Amino acid sequence: MAERDRGSVLVELTRIGAVVKVTAIDPETLTEVSIMGPASAGEETLKRNAVRKLEYVLAQKAGRRG
């Protein structure tokens, strides 16, 4: 699956102490994934990793390996 346009993915960041929970949602399929990482990793890195996980899950649902 080609990398998704970030505008088509909803991303929510929730800081919990030194950790950030990042949730990414595909509005078309309502597929939701979450990751957690250190706040020191940076917002963009955490968002990118959450979107990559969402892409992976969507590919698995479509029967493709990625």
Protein backbone atom coordinates (compact mmCIF):
# COMPACT_ATOMS: atom_id res chain seq x y z
CA MET A 1 0.00 0.00 0.00
CA ALA A 2 1.37 3.40 -0.89
CA GLU A 3 1.92 5.82 1.94
CA ARG A 4 -1.35 7.55 2.77
CA ASP A 5 -1.81 11.27 2.57
CA ARG A 6 -1.64 12.34 6.22
CA GLY A 7 -4.68 14.58 5.64
CA SER A 8 -6.82 11.47 5.18
CA VAL A 9 -5.90 10.05 8.61
CA LEU A 10 -7.14 11.38 11.93
CA VAL A 11 -4.37 11.49 14.54
CA GLU A 12 -4.81 12.11 18.27
CA LEU A 13 -1.94 12.54 20.74
CA THR A 14 -2.46 12.11 24.48
CA ARG A 15 0.42 12.77 26.85
CA ILE A 16 0.58 10.53 29.91
CA GLY A 17 3.57 11.65 31.96
CA ALA A 18 6.72 11.00 29.94
CA VAL A 19 4.80 8.84 27.44
CA VAL A 20 2.55 9.82 24.54
CA LYS A 21 -0.31 7.65 23.27
CA VAL A 22 -0.94 8.22 19.56
CA THR A 23 -4.16 7.03 17.95
CA ALA A 24 -4.55 6.99 14.15
CA ILE A 25 -7.95 6.47 12.51
CA ASP A 26 -8.81 5.86 8.86
CA PRO A 27 -12.11 7.73 8.40
CA GLU A 28 -13.11 5.62 5.38
CA THR A 29 -12.94 2.22 7.11
CA LEU A 30 -13.11 3.43 10.73
CA THR A 31 -10.01 1.34 11.45
CA GLU A 32 -8.20 2.56 14.56
CA VAL A 33 -4.71 1.77 15.87
CA SER A 34 -2.71 3.08 18.81
CA ILE A 35 0.94 3.22 19.71
CA MET A 36 2.77 4.53 22.76
CA GLY A 37 6.21 6.07 22.81
CA PRO A 38 8.42 8.43 24.78
CA ALA A 39 7.52 12.10 24.52
CA SER A 40 11.19 12.74 23.75
CA ALA A 41 10.79 10.92 20.40
CA GLY A 42 9.04 13.98 18.98
CA GLU A 43 5.51 14.50 17.73
CA GLU A 44 6.26 13.96 14.03
CA THR A 45 8.09 10.67 14.65
CA LEU A 46 5.26 9.34 16.78
CA LYS A 47 2.63 10.41 14.22
CA ARG A 48 4.60 8.81 11.39
CA ASN A 49 4.89 5.52 13.30
CA ALA A 50 1.17 5.48 14.09
CA VAL A 51 0.28 6.11 10.43
CA ARG A 52 2.68 3.33 9.36
CA LYS A 53 0.99 0.93 11.78
CA LEU A 54 -2.41 1.95 10.40
CA GLU A 55 -1.18 1.30 6.85
CA TYR A 56 0.07 -2.13 7.94
CA VAL A 57 -3.25 -3.04 9.56
CA LEU A 58 -5.22 -1.86 6.53
CA ALA A 59 -2.97 -3.94 4.25
CA GLN A 60 -3.52 -7.00 6.46
CA LYS A 61 -7.28 -6.49 6.31
CA ALA A 62 -7.05 -6.29 2.52
CA GLY A 63 -5.15 -9.60 2.44
CA ARG A 64 -1.77 -8.14 1.56
CA ARG A 65 1.46 -8.46 3.48
CA GLY A 66 3.48 -5.33 4.09
